[in-house]
Amino acid sequence: MPLYKTITVDETTNILIWKIEESFEELSEGIELTDHCRQRVDNMKSDLHRRGFMSVRHLLAIFGYTDYDLFYDDFGKPHLKDGKQISITHSYEYAGIIVSDKLVGIDIEKQRDKIVRIAHKFVESEQEFVNQFQEDKIRALTVIWGAKESLYKLYGTAGLSFEQHIHITPFNFDMPFTTGSIHYQEKISHYDITFLEFEGFTCVYALPYG
């Protein structure tokens, strides 16, 4: 069972990361899906996406949950029936979930050159800070994207713009912490951001500030 990493954030917040090495058939063993999720998996064309989906169900099981404990709202945000907060991510051969009593968001991204070409789509207030990076620009942009994706998942509201509404505070790689804020409909909310890097991937997670 390739549980890759376990992170205890605080007394009520925990993260599990899975390295996807098994086949879809192996990952399907012992996992019962709801009819809705079975249909979702059957409609996935990518084998890697299907394996990522099933890996998440194994992570749920480690927390003591089954697919029947999970449901999605109209925005597509996942929830647990016991009232705990959850966020889910998978990217290539990694999948992760965070479970907490607080609002949470998590994202795993592969560090790729492509992010430089699309930076204008999600970087706005961070541009001057990003320009300071040379060799580490891909890493920095991946953290910013992951942080904004995490906050987008946490907020769970349609109409939120990565570029216009979500802002990430400057950071450095010696201290893997920063903060972020969401400015939306005359309301400003602040969040703690933490990031970690492994094997060419970046994982970022967000919780309410303080």
N, C-alpha and C. Protein backbone atom coordinates (compact mmCIF):
# COMPACT_ATOMS: atom_id res chain seq x y z
N MET A 1 0.85 -1.19 0.00
CA MET A 1 0.00 0.00 0.00
C MET A 1 0.88 1.24 0.00
N PRO A 2 0.98 1.95 -1.12
CA PRO A 2 1.94 3.06 -1.20
C PRO A 2 1.43 4.37 -0.61
N LEU A 3 1.16 4.36 0.70
CA LEU A 3 0.89 5.62 1.37
C LEU A 3 2.21 6.37 1.43
N TYR A 4 2.30 7.46 0.71
CA TYR A 4 3.58 8.14 0.50
C TYR A 4 3.95 9.07 1.66
N LYS A 5 2.95 9.77 2.18
CA LYS A 5 3.26 10.76 3.21
C LYS A 5 2.05 11.00 4.09
N THR A 6 2.31 11.17 5.38
CA THR A 6 1.29 11.54 6.36
C THR A 6 1.73 12.83 7.04
N ILE A 7 0.86 13.81 7.07
CA ILE A 7 1.19 15.09 7.68
C ILE A 7 0.13 15.43 8.73
N THR A 8 0.56 15.65 9.95
CA THR A 8 -0.32 16.12 11.01
C THR A 8 -0.16 17.63 11.10
N VAL A 9 -1.16 18.37 10.65
CA VAL A 9 -1.09 19.83 10.63
C VAL A 9 -1.38 20.39 12.01
N ASP A 10 -2.45 19.94 12.63
CA ASP A 10 -2.79 20.31 14.01
C ASP A 10 -3.66 19.20 14.58
N GLU A 11 -4.27 19.44 15.73
CA GLU A 11 -4.99 18.37 16.42
C GLU A 11 -6.21 17.89 15.66
N THR A 12 -6.73 18.68 14.72
CA THR A 12 -7.93 18.25 13.99
C THR A 12 -7.70 18.19 12.48
N THR A 13 -6.48 18.44 12.02
CA THR A 13 -6.22 18.53 10.58
C THR A 13 -5.11 17.59 10.18
N ASN A 14 -5.42 16.68 9.25
CA ASN A 14 -4.45 15.70 8.81
C ASN A 14 -4.47 15.54 7.29
N ILE A 15 -3.29 15.24 6.74
CA ILE A 15 -3.13 15.07 5.29
C ILE A 15 -2.54 13.69 5.01
N LEU A 16 -3.07 13.04 3.99
CA LEU A 16 -2.50 11.79 3.50
C LEU A 16 -2.22 11.93 2.01
N ILE A 17 -1.03 11.47 1.58
CA ILE A 17 -0.65 11.51 0.16
C ILE A 17 -0.30 10.09 -0.29
N TRP A 18 -0.84 9.71 -1.43
CA TRP A 18 -0.69 8.37 -1.99
C TRP A 18 0.13 8.45 -3.28
N LYS A 19 1.09 7.59 -3.43
CA LYS A 19 1.82 7.46 -4.70
C LYS A 19 1.17 6.34 -5.50
N ILE A 20 0.62 6.68 -6.66
CA ILE A 20 -0.18 5.74 -7.43
C ILE A 20 0.72 4.82 -8.26
N GLU A 21 0.87 3.59 -7.79
CA GLU A 21 1.72 2.62 -8.47
C GLU A 21 0.94 1.39 -8.94
N GLU A 22 -0.27 1.20 -8.40
CA GLU A 22 -1.06 0.01 -8.70
C GLU A 22 -1.88 0.20 -9.98
N SER A 23 -2.34 -0.90 -10.51
CA SER A 23 -3.28 -0.85 -11.63
C SER A 23 -4.66 -0.47 -11.13
N PHE A 24 -5.54 -0.09 -12.05
CA PHE A 24 -6.91 0.23 -11.68
C PHE A 24 -7.58 -0.98 -11.02
N GLU A 25 -7.31 -2.16 -11.55
CA GLU A 25 -7.92 -3.38 -11.00
C GLU A 25 -7.46 -3.61 -9.57
N GLU A 26 -6.18 -3.41 -9.31
CA GLU A 26 -5.67 -3.59 -7.94
C GLU A 26 -6.29 -2.57 -6.99
N LEU A 27 -6.42 -1.34 -7.46
CA LEU A 27 -6.98 -0.29 -6.61
C LEU A 27 -8.48 -0.48 -6.37
N SER A 28 -9.13 -1.21 -7.25
CA SER A 28 -10.57 -1.43 -7.11
C SER A 28 -10.91 -2.49 -6.08
N GLU A 29 -9.92 -3.33 -5.73
CA GLU A 29 -10.17 -4.41 -4.78
C GLU A 29 -10.54 -3.86 -3.41
N GLY A 30 -11.66 -4.31 -2.88
CA GLY A 30 -12.09 -3.92 -1.55
C GLY A 30 -12.74 -2.56 -1.46
N ILE A 31 -12.93 -1.88 -2.60
CA ILE A 31 -13.53 -0.55 -2.60
C ILE A 31 -14.93 -0.63 -3.22
N GLU A 32 -15.93 -0.20 -2.47
CA GLU A 32 -17.30 -0.16 -2.98
C GLU A 32 -17.67 1.29 -3.27
N LEU A 33 -18.10 1.56 -4.48
CA LEU A 33 -18.46 2.91 -4.89
C LEU A 33 -19.97 3.09 -4.92
N THR A 34 -20.40 4.33 -4.70
CA THR A 34 -21.81 4.65 -4.91
C THR A 34 -22.10 4.54 -6.41
N ASP A 35 -23.36 4.46 -6.75
CA ASP A 35 -23.74 4.38 -8.17
C ASP A 35 -23.24 5.61 -8.93
N HIS A 36 -23.35 6.78 -8.28
CA HIS A 36 -22.91 8.01 -8.92
C HIS A 36 -21.41 7.99 -9.22
N CYS A 37 -20.62 7.56 -8.24
CA CYS A 37 -19.16 7.54 -8.43
C CYS A 37 -18.74 6.42 -9.38
N ARG A 38 -19.46 5.31 -9.37
CA ARG A 38 -19.16 4.23 -10.33
C ARG A 38 -19.37 4.75 -11.75
N GLN A 39 -20.42 5.52 -11.94
CA GLN A 39 -20.68 6.08 -13.27
C GLN A 39 -19.59 7.09 -13.65
N ARG A 40 -19.15 7.87 -12.68
CA ARG A 40 -18.07 8.83 -12.96
C ARG A 40 -16.80 8.11 -13.41
N VAL A 41 -16.43 7.06 -12.70
CA VAL A 41 -15.22 6.32 -13.05
C VAL A 41 -15.37 5.67 -14.43
N ASP A 42 -16.52 5.09 -14.68
CA ASP A 42 -16.74 4.41 -15.96
C ASP A 42 -16.65 5.38 -17.14
N ASN A 43 -16.94 6.65 -16.89
CA ASN A 43 -16.92 7.65 -17.96
C ASN A 43 -15.55 8.31 -18.14
N MET A 44 -14.60 7.98 -17.25
CA MET A 44 -13.26 8.57 -17.37
C MET A 44 -12.48 7.85 -18.46
N LYS A 45 -11.92 8.62 -19.37
CA LYS A 45 -11.16 8.04 -20.48
C LYS A 45 -9.70 7.79 -20.11
N SER A 46 -9.18 8.55 -19.17
CA SER A 46 -7.78 8.43 -18.77
C SER A 46 -7.62 7.37 -17.68
N ASP A 47 -6.76 6.40 -17.92
CA ASP A 47 -6.49 5.38 -16.91
C ASP A 47 -5.87 6.00 -15.67
N LEU A 48 -5.03 7.01 -15.85
CA LEU A 48 -4.40 7.66 -14.70
C LEU A 48 -5.44 8.39 -13.84
N HIS A 49 -6.44 9.00 -14.48
CA HIS A 49 -7.51 9.65 -13.72
C HIS A 49 -8.33 8.61 -12.94
N ARG A 50 -8.58 7.49 -13.57
CA ARG A 50 -9.34 6.44 -12.90
C ARG A 50 -8.58 5.90 -11.70
N ARG A 51 -7.28 5.72 -11.87
CA ARG A 51 -6.45 5.23 -10.77
C ARG A 51 -6.35 6.28 -9.66
N GLY A 52 -6.28 7.56 -10.05
CA GLY A 52 -6.25 8.61 -9.05
C GLY A 52 -7.53 8.66 -8.24
N PHE A 53 -8.65 8.49 -8.92
CA PHE A 53 -9.96 8.48 -8.27
C PHE A 53 -10.03 7.35 -7.24
N MET A 54 -9.57 6.18 -7.61
CA MET A 54 -9.62 5.04 -6.69
C MET A 54 -8.61 5.18 -5.55
N SER A 55 -7.47 5.81 -5.83
CA SER A 55 -6.48 6.04 -4.77
C SER A 55 -7.07 6.91 -3.66
N VAL A 56 -7.86 7.89 -4.06
CA VAL A 56 -8.51 8.75 -3.08
C VAL A 56 -9.43 7.93 -2.18
N ARG A 57 -10.09 6.93 -2.74
CA ARG A 57 -10.99 6.09 -1.92
C ARG A 57 -10.18 5.28 -0.90
N HIS A 58 -8.96 4.89 -1.24
CA HIS A 58 -8.10 4.21 -0.27
C HIS A 58 -7.67 5.17 0.83
N LEU A 59 -7.40 6.42 0.47
CA LEU A 59 -7.06 7.41 1.49
C LEU A 59 -8.24 7.66 2.42
N LEU A 60 -9.44 7.72 1.86
CA LEU A 60 -10.64 7.86 2.69
C LEU A 60 -10.74 6.71 3.69
N ALA A 61 -10.44 5.50 3.21
CA ALA A 61 -10.54 4.32 4.08
C ALA A 61 -9.56 4.40 5.25
N ILE A 62 -8.38 4.98 5.02
CA ILE A 62 -7.41 5.14 6.11
C ILE A 62 -7.99 6.05 7.19
N PHE A 63 -8.76 7.05 6.78
CA PHE A 63 -9.42 7.94 7.73
C PHE A 63 -10.67 7.31 8.34
N GLY A 64 -11.06 6.13 7.85
CA GLY A 64 -12.24 5.46 8.38
C GLY A 64 -13.52 5.75 7.61
N TYR A 65 -13.39 6.32 6.42
CA TYR A 65 -14.56 6.67 5.60
C TYR A 65 -14.67 5.73 4.40
N THR A 66 -15.88 5.65 3.86
CA THR A 66 -16.11 4.96 2.60
C THR A 66 -16.64 5.99 1.59
N ASP A 67 -16.81 5.55 0.36
CA ASP A 67 -17.35 6.43 -0.68
C ASP A 67 -18.75 6.92 -0.31
N TYR A 68 -19.46 6.15 0.51
CA TYR A 68 -20.82 6.52 0.91
C TYR A 68 -20.84 7.66 1.93
N ASP A 69 -19.69 7.95 2.54
CA ASP A 69 -19.60 9.06 3.49
C ASP A 69 -19.33 10.39 2.80
N LEU A 70 -19.08 10.34 1.49
CA LEU A 70 -18.68 11.52 0.73
C LEU A 70 -19.81 11.97 -0.19
N PHE A 71 -20.03 13.27 -0.26
CA PHE A 71 -20.99 13.80 -1.25
C PHE A 71 -20.48 15.13 -1.77
N TYR A 72 -21.02 15.56 -2.90
CA TYR A 72 -20.57 16.79 -3.56
C TYR A 72 -21.73 17.77 -3.67
N ASP A 73 -21.44 19.07 -3.46
CA ASP A 73 -22.49 20.07 -3.62
C ASP A 73 -22.58 20.51 -5.09
N ASP A 74 -23.43 21.47 -5.36
CA ASP A 74 -23.66 21.91 -6.75
C ASP A 74 -22.41 22.52 -7.37
N PHE A 75 -21.52 23.05 -6.55
CA PHE A 75 -20.27 23.64 -7.03
C PHE A 75 -19.24 22.57 -7.38
N GLY A 76 -19.49 21.34 -6.88
CA GLY A 76 -18.52 20.26 -7.06
C GLY A 76 -17.59 20.09 -5.88
N LYS A 77 -17.84 20.84 -4.81
CA LYS A 77 -17.01 20.76 -3.60
C LYS A 77 -17.38 19.52 -2.80
N PRO A 78 -16.40 18.71 -2.40
CA PRO A 78 -16.70 17.50 -1.62
C PRO A 78 -17.00 17.82 -0.15
N HIS A 79 -17.86 17.03 0.44
CA HIS A 79 -18.21 17.15 1.86
C HIS A 79 -18.29 15.75 2.47
N LEU A 80 -18.10 15.70 3.78
CA LEU A 80 -18.28 14.46 4.52
C LEU A 80 -19.57 14.54 5.33
N LYS A 81 -20.28 13.43 5.40
CA LYS A 81 -21.58 13.43 6.06
C LYS A 81 -21.50 13.67 7.56
N ASP A 82 -20.33 13.43 8.17
CA ASP A 82 -20.21 13.67 9.61
C ASP A 82 -19.89 15.13 9.94
N GLY A 83 -19.81 15.98 8.91
CA GLY A 83 -19.58 17.40 9.15
C GLY A 83 -18.12 17.83 9.08
N LYS A 84 -17.21 16.88 9.01
CA LYS A 84 -15.79 17.23 8.84
C LYS A 84 -15.58 17.87 7.47
N GLN A 85 -14.57 18.73 7.39
CA GLN A 85 -14.22 19.37 6.13
C GLN A 85 -13.20 18.51 5.38
N ILE A 86 -13.30 18.48 4.05
CA ILE A 86 -12.38 17.66 3.25
C ILE A 86 -12.06 18.37 1.95
N SER A 87 -10.84 18.17 1.48
CA SER A 87 -10.45 18.61 0.14
C SER A 87 -9.62 17.50 -0.49
N ILE A 88 -9.73 17.37 -1.81
CA ILE A 88 -9.17 16.24 -2.54
C ILE A 88 -8.35 16.74 -3.72
N THR A 89 -7.26 16.06 -4.02
CA THR A 89 -6.46 16.41 -5.19
C THR A 89 -5.80 15.18 -5.77
N HIS A 90 -5.60 15.16 -7.08
CA HIS A 90 -4.68 14.18 -7.67
C HIS A 90 -4.06 14.74 -8.93
N SER A 91 -2.78 14.43 -9.10
CA SER A 91 -2.00 14.93 -10.24
C SER A 91 -1.01 13.86 -10.64
N TYR A 92 -1.17 13.35 -11.85
CA TYR A 92 -0.28 12.30 -12.37
C TYR A 92 -0.24 11.14 -11.38
N GLU A 93 0.93 10.82 -10.79
CA GLU A 93 1.00 9.63 -9.94
C GLU A 93 0.84 9.92 -8.45
N TYR A 94 0.27 11.06 -8.10
CA TYR A 94 0.03 11.36 -6.70
C TYR A 94 -1.42 11.76 -6.46
N ALA A 95 -1.94 11.36 -5.32
CA ALA A 95 -3.26 11.77 -4.87
C ALA A 95 -3.16 12.16 -3.41
N GLY A 96 -4.01 13.09 -2.98
CA GLY A 96 -3.96 13.51 -1.60
C GLY A 96 -5.32 13.98 -1.10
N ILE A 97 -5.53 13.87 0.20
CA ILE A 97 -6.71 14.44 0.83
C ILE A 97 -6.31 15.10 2.14
N ILE A 98 -7.05 16.12 2.51
CA ILE A 98 -6.91 16.77 3.80
C ILE A 98 -8.27 16.75 4.48
N VAL A 99 -8.29 16.39 5.76
CA VAL A 99 -9.53 16.32 6.55
C VAL A 99 -9.33 17.16 7.80
N SER A 100 -10.33 17.96 8.15
CA SER A 100 -10.18 18.88 9.26
C SER A 100 -11.54 19.29 9.83
N ASP A 101 -11.51 19.90 11.00
CA ASP A 101 -12.70 20.55 11.54
C ASP A 101 -12.89 21.93 10.91
N LYS A 102 -11.83 22.44 10.26
CA LYS A 102 -11.84 23.78 9.66
C LYS A 102 -12.03 23.67 8.15
N LEU A 103 -12.37 24.78 7.52
CA LEU A 103 -12.37 24.84 6.07
C LEU A 103 -10.95 24.59 5.57
N VAL A 104 -10.81 23.76 4.54
CA VAL A 104 -9.48 23.41 4.04
C VAL A 104 -9.50 23.30 2.52
N GLY A 105 -8.32 23.45 1.94
CA GLY A 105 -8.13 23.21 0.51
C GLY A 105 -6.75 22.64 0.29
N ILE A 106 -6.62 21.75 -0.68
CA ILE A 106 -5.32 21.14 -0.98
C ILE A 106 -5.17 20.98 -2.49
N ASP A 107 -3.92 21.08 -2.96
CA ASP A 107 -3.65 20.88 -4.38
C ASP A 107 -2.25 20.30 -4.54
N ILE A 108 -2.12 19.34 -5.44
CA ILE A 108 -0.82 18.81 -5.84
C ILE A 108 -0.65 19.11 -7.32
N GLU A 109 0.52 19.65 -7.69
CA GLU A 109 0.80 20.00 -9.07
C GLU A 109 2.19 19.50 -9.47
N LYS A 110 2.30 19.02 -10.68
CA LYS A 110 3.61 18.69 -11.24
C LYS A 110 4.29 19.98 -11.69
N GLN A 111 5.58 20.10 -11.38
CA GLN A 111 6.34 21.28 -11.78
C GLN A 111 6.69 21.15 -13.27
N ARG A 112 6.07 22.01 -14.10
CA ARG A 112 6.25 21.91 -15.55
C ARG A 112 6.56 23.27 -16.17
N ASP A 113 7.32 23.25 -17.25
CA ASP A 113 7.66 24.48 -17.96
C ASP A 113 6.42 25.24 -18.43
N LYS A 114 5.36 24.51 -18.72
CA LYS A 114 4.13 25.10 -19.26
C LYS A 114 3.59 26.21 -18.39
N ILE A 115 3.85 26.15 -17.08
CA ILE A 115 3.24 27.12 -16.17
C ILE A 115 3.73 28.54 -16.45
N VAL A 116 4.94 28.68 -17.00
CA VAL A 116 5.46 30.01 -17.34
C VAL A 116 4.62 30.63 -18.45
N ARG A 117 4.20 29.81 -19.40
CA ARG A 117 3.42 30.31 -20.54
C ARG A 117 2.01 30.73 -20.16
N ILE A 118 1.46 30.14 -19.11
CA ILE A 118 0.08 30.46 -18.73
C ILE A 118 0.01 31.36 -17.49
N ALA A 119 1.17 31.82 -17.01
CA ALA A 119 1.21 32.60 -15.76
C ALA A 119 0.31 33.83 -15.83
N HIS A 120 0.19 34.44 -17.01
CA HIS A 120 -0.62 35.66 -17.14
C HIS A 120 -2.10 35.41 -16.84
N LYS A 121 -2.49 34.14 -16.84
CA LYS A 121 -3.89 33.81 -16.58
C LYS A 121 -4.23 33.76 -15.08
N PHE A 122 -3.20 33.65 -14.24
CA PHE A 122 -3.50 33.53 -12.81
C PHE A 122 -2.64 34.43 -11.91
N VAL A 123 -1.63 35.07 -12.47
CA VAL A 123 -0.77 35.96 -11.68
C VAL A 123 -1.17 37.40 -11.96
N GLU A 124 -1.40 38.16 -10.88
CA GLU A 124 -1.73 39.58 -11.03
C GLU A 124 -0.95 40.38 -9.99
N SER A 125 -1.40 40.37 -8.75
CA SER A 125 -0.71 41.11 -7.70
C SER A 125 0.66 40.51 -7.39
N GLU A 126 0.90 39.27 -7.79
CA GLU A 126 2.16 38.58 -7.49
C GLU A 126 3.24 38.81 -8.54
N GLN A 127 2.94 39.56 -9.61
CA GLN A 127 3.84 39.64 -10.75
C GLN A 127 5.22 40.19 -10.39
N GLU A 128 5.28 41.26 -9.63
CA GLU A 128 6.57 41.85 -9.26
C GLU A 128 7.41 40.87 -8.45
N PHE A 129 6.75 40.16 -7.57
CA PHE A 129 7.43 39.14 -6.76
C PHE A 129 7.96 38.00 -7.65
N VAL A 130 7.15 37.53 -8.57
CA VAL A 130 7.55 36.45 -9.47
C VAL A 130 8.75 36.86 -10.32
N ASN A 131 8.81 38.11 -10.71
CA ASN A 131 9.91 38.59 -11.56
C ASN A 131 11.26 38.51 -10.87
N GLN A 132 11.27 38.39 -9.55
CA GLN A 132 12.52 38.29 -8.82
C GLN A 132 13.17 36.91 -8.97
N PHE A 133 12.37 35.94 -9.37
CA PHE A 133 12.89 34.58 -9.52
C PHE A 133 13.48 34.38 -10.91
N GLN A 134 14.57 33.67 -10.97
CA GLN A 134 15.17 33.31 -12.24
C GLN A 134 15.13 31.79 -12.40
N GLU A 135 16.06 31.11 -11.75
CA GLU A 135 16.12 29.65 -11.85
C GLU A 135 14.91 28.97 -11.22
N ASP A 136 14.34 29.61 -10.22
CA ASP A 136 13.25 28.98 -9.48
C ASP A 136 11.87 29.48 -9.90
N LYS A 137 11.75 30.09 -11.06
CA LYS A 137 10.47 30.68 -11.47
C LYS A 137 9.39 29.61 -11.61
N ILE A 138 9.71 28.46 -12.17
CA ILE A 138 8.72 27.39 -12.31
C ILE A 138 8.24 26.92 -10.95
N ARG A 139 9.17 26.77 -10.02
CA ARG A 139 8.79 26.35 -8.67
C ARG A 139 7.89 27.40 -8.01
N ALA A 140 8.25 28.67 -8.14
CA ALA A 140 7.47 29.74 -7.51
C ALA A 140 6.08 29.82 -8.11
N LEU A 141 5.99 29.76 -9.43
CA LEU A 141 4.67 29.81 -10.07
C LEU A 141 3.82 28.61 -9.69
N THR A 142 4.45 27.46 -9.52
CA THR A 142 3.69 26.26 -9.13
C THR A 142 3.13 26.41 -7.72
N VAL A 143 3.89 27.01 -6.83
CA VAL A 143 3.38 27.29 -5.48
C VAL A 143 2.19 28.25 -5.56
N ILE A 144 2.32 29.31 -6.34
CA ILE A 144 1.24 30.30 -6.45
C ILE A 144 -0.01 29.66 -7.03
N TRP A 145 0.15 28.88 -8.10
CA TRP A 145 -1.01 28.20 -8.68
C TRP A 145 -1.65 27.25 -7.66
N GLY A 146 -0.82 26.44 -6.98
CA GLY A 146 -1.35 25.50 -6.00
C GLY A 146 -2.05 26.20 -4.85
N ALA A 147 -1.49 27.34 -4.43
CA ALA A 147 -2.12 28.10 -3.34
C ALA A 147 -3.47 28.64 -3.78
N LYS A 148 -3.54 29.17 -4.99
CA LYS A 148 -4.81 29.71 -5.49
C LYS A 148 -5.83 28.60 -5.72
N GLU A 149 -5.37 27.47 -6.22
CA GLU A 149 -6.26 26.33 -6.41
C GLU A 149 -6.80 25.85 -5.06
N SER A 150 -5.94 25.79 -4.06
CA SER A 150 -6.37 25.38 -2.72
C SER A 150 -7.42 26.32 -2.15
N LEU A 151 -7.19 27.63 -2.32
CA LEU A 151 -8.14 28.61 -1.81
C LEU A 151 -9.45 28.57 -2.59
N TYR A 152 -9.36 28.34 -3.87
CA TYR A 152 -10.56 28.21 -4.71
C TYR A 152 -11.41 27.02 -4.22
N LYS A 153 -10.75 25.90 -3.94
CA LYS A 153 -11.46 24.72 -3.44
C LYS A 153 -12.07 25.00 -2.06
N LEU A 154 -11.28 25.64 -1.20
CA LEU A 154 -11.75 25.94 0.16
C LEU A 154 -12.97 26.85 0.12
N TYR A 155 -12.94 27.89 -0.70
CA TYR A 155 -14.01 28.89 -0.74
C TYR A 155 -15.28 28.33 -1.35
N GLY A 156 -15.13 27.50 -2.38
CA GLY A 156 -16.27 26.80 -2.96
C GLY A 156 -17.39 27.68 -3.47
N THR A 157 -17.02 28.76 -4.17
CA THR A 157 -18.02 29.70 -4.66
C THR A 157 -17.80 29.98 -6.14
N ALA A 158 -18.84 29.86 -6.94
CA ALA A 158 -18.73 30.12 -8.37
C ALA A 158 -18.42 31.59 -8.62
N GLY A 159 -17.65 31.86 -9.66
CA GLY A 159 -17.35 33.23 -10.04
C GLY A 159 -16.03 33.75 -9.50
N LEU A 160 -15.34 32.95 -8.71
CA LEU A 160 -14.06 33.37 -8.14
C LEU A 160 -12.98 33.30 -9.21
N SER A 161 -12.21 34.38 -9.35
CA SER A 161 -11.15 34.46 -10.35
C SER A 161 -9.78 34.31 -9.68
N PHE A 162 -8.94 33.40 -10.20
CA PHE A 162 -7.59 33.24 -9.68
C PHE A 162 -6.82 34.56 -9.77
N GLU A 163 -6.98 35.24 -10.89
CA GLU A 163 -6.20 36.45 -11.15
C GLU A 163 -6.70 37.64 -10.35
N GLN A 164 -8.00 37.85 -10.34
CA GLN A 164 -8.56 39.07 -9.77
C GLN A 164 -8.92 38.99 -8.29
N HIS A 165 -9.31 37.81 -7.81
CA HIS A 165 -9.87 37.71 -6.46
C HIS A 165 -8.97 37.03 -5.44
N ILE A 166 -7.98 36.25 -5.89
CA ILE A 166 -7.15 35.49 -4.96
C ILE A 166 -5.71 36.03 -5.03
N HIS A 167 -5.16 36.38 -3.86
CA HIS A 167 -3.84 37.00 -3.82
C HIS A 167 -2.93 36.26 -2.84
N ILE A 168 -1.70 36.02 -3.26
CA ILE A 168 -0.73 35.27 -2.46
C ILE A 168 0.41 36.20 -2.06
N THR A 169 0.77 36.16 -0.78
CA THR A 169 1.84 36.98 -0.23
C THR A 169 3.20 36.44 -0.67
N PRO A 170 4.20 37.30 -0.92
CA PRO A 170 5.54 36.83 -1.28
C PRO A 170 6.10 35.83 -0.26
N PHE A 171 6.89 34.89 -0.74
CA PHE A 171 7.45 33.83 0.10
C PHE A 171 8.85 33.51 -0.40
N ASN A 172 9.57 32.68 0.36
CA ASN A 172 10.84 32.14 -0.13
C ASN A 172 10.90 30.66 0.20
N PHE A 173 11.80 29.95 -0.47
CA PHE A 173 11.81 28.50 -0.34
C PHE A 173 12.52 28.00 0.91
N ASP A 174 13.12 28.90 1.68
CA ASP A 174 13.73 28.51 2.95
C ASP A 174 12.67 28.30 4.03
N MET A 175 11.53 28.99 3.88
CA MET A 175 10.43 28.86 4.83
C MET A 175 9.17 28.53 4.03
N PRO A 176 8.70 27.30 4.09
CA PRO A 176 7.59 26.89 3.21
C PRO A 176 6.20 27.31 3.69
N PHE A 177 6.10 28.57 4.11
CA PHE A 177 4.83 29.09 4.60
C PHE A 177 4.59 30.47 3.97
N THR A 178 3.33 30.78 3.74
CA THR A 178 2.97 32.12 3.31
C THR A 178 1.51 32.34 3.70
N THR A 179 0.93 33.40 3.22
CA THR A 179 -0.47 33.66 3.47
C THR A 179 -1.15 34.03 2.15
N GLY A 180 -2.46 33.95 2.16
CA GLY A 180 -3.23 34.33 0.98
C GLY A 180 -4.51 35.01 1.42
N SER A 181 -5.12 35.71 0.49
CA SER A 181 -6.38 36.38 0.80
C SER A 181 -7.32 36.28 -0.39
N ILE A 182 -8.60 36.29 -0.08
CA ILE A 182 -9.64 36.29 -1.11
C ILE A 182 -10.44 37.58 -0.96
N HIS A 183 -10.50 38.34 -2.04
CA HIS A 183 -11.25 39.60 -2.07
C HIS A 183 -12.44 39.37 -3.01
N TYR A 184 -13.60 39.20 -2.43
CA TYR A 184 -14.76 38.83 -3.27
C TYR A 184 -16.04 39.43 -2.71
N GLN A 185 -16.75 40.14 -3.56
CA GLN A 185 -18.04 40.75 -3.21
C GLN A 185 -17.95 41.55 -1.92
N GLU A 186 -16.96 42.46 -1.89
CA GLU A 186 -16.75 43.41 -0.79
C GLU A 186 -16.40 42.73 0.53
N LYS A 187 -15.93 41.50 0.45
CA LYS A 187 -15.50 40.78 1.65
C LYS A 187 -14.06 40.32 1.44
N ILE A 188 -13.22 40.47 2.48
CA ILE A 188 -11.83 40.02 2.43
C ILE A 188 -11.62 38.97 3.52
N SER A 189 -11.10 37.82 3.14
CA SER A 189 -10.79 36.78 4.12
C SER A 189 -9.33 36.34 3.94
N HIS A 190 -8.71 35.95 5.05
CA HIS A 190 -7.27 35.65 5.05
C HIS A 190 -7.01 34.19 5.43
N TYR A 191 -5.91 33.64 4.88
CA TYR A 191 -5.65 32.21 5.05
C TYR A 191 -4.15 31.94 5.21
N ASP A 192 -3.86 30.87 5.94
CA ASP A 192 -2.49 30.36 6.05
C ASP A 192 -2.24 29.38 4.91
N ILE A 193 -1.08 29.49 4.28
CA ILE A 193 -0.70 28.62 3.17
C ILE A 193 0.60 27.90 3.53
N THR A 194 0.64 26.61 3.30
CA THR A 194 1.86 25.81 3.51
C THR A 194 2.14 25.02 2.23
N PHE A 195 3.41 24.91 1.87
CA PHE A 195 3.74 24.14 0.67
C PHE A 195 4.91 23.21 0.94
N LEU A 196 4.97 22.12 0.21
CA LEU A 196 6.09 21.18 0.26
C LEU A 196 6.33 20.63 -1.14
N GLU A 197 7.57 20.25 -1.39
CA GLU A 197 7.97 19.76 -2.70
C GLU A 197 8.55 18.35 -2.58
N PHE A 198 8.23 17.50 -3.55
CA PHE A 198 8.77 16.15 -3.56
C PHE A 198 8.74 15.60 -4.98
N GLU A 199 9.85 15.04 -5.40
CA GLU A 199 9.96 14.31 -6.67
C GLU A 199 9.39 15.11 -7.86
N GLY A 200 9.68 16.41 -7.89
CA GLY A 200 9.21 17.23 -9.01
C GLY A 200 7.76 17.67 -8.91
N PHE A 201 7.15 17.50 -7.75
CA PHE A 201 5.77 17.92 -7.51
C PHE A 201 5.73 18.94 -6.37
N THR A 202 4.67 19.71 -6.35
CA THR A 202 4.43 20.69 -5.27
C THR A 202 3.06 20.43 -4.68
N CYS A 203 3.01 20.31 -3.37
CA CYS A 203 1.73 20.17 -2.67
C CYS A 203 1.52 21.45 -1.84
N VAL A 204 0.35 22.05 -1.96
CA VAL A 204 0.02 23.26 -1.22
C VAL A 204 -1.31 23.04 -0.51
N TYR A 205 -1.38 23.49 0.75
CA TYR A 205 -2.67 23.41 1.45
C TYR A 205 -2.95 24.70 2.20
N ALA A 206 -4.23 24.99 2.36
CA ALA A 206 -4.69 26.25 2.92
C ALA A 206 -5.71 26.02 4.03
N LEU A 207 -5.63 26.85 5.06
CA LEU A 207 -6.58 26.86 6.18
C LEU A 207 -6.87 28.31 6.56
N PRO A 208 -7.98 28.57 7.24
CA PRO A 208 -8.26 29.92 7.69
C PRO A 208 -7.12 30.47 8.54
N TYR A 209 -6.87 31.75 8.42
CA TYR A 209 -5.74 32.41 9.09
C TYR A 209 -5.90 32.38 10.60
N GLY A 210 -4.78 32.09 11.28
CA GLY A 210 -4.73 32.21 12.73
C GLY A 210 -4.92 30.92 13.49
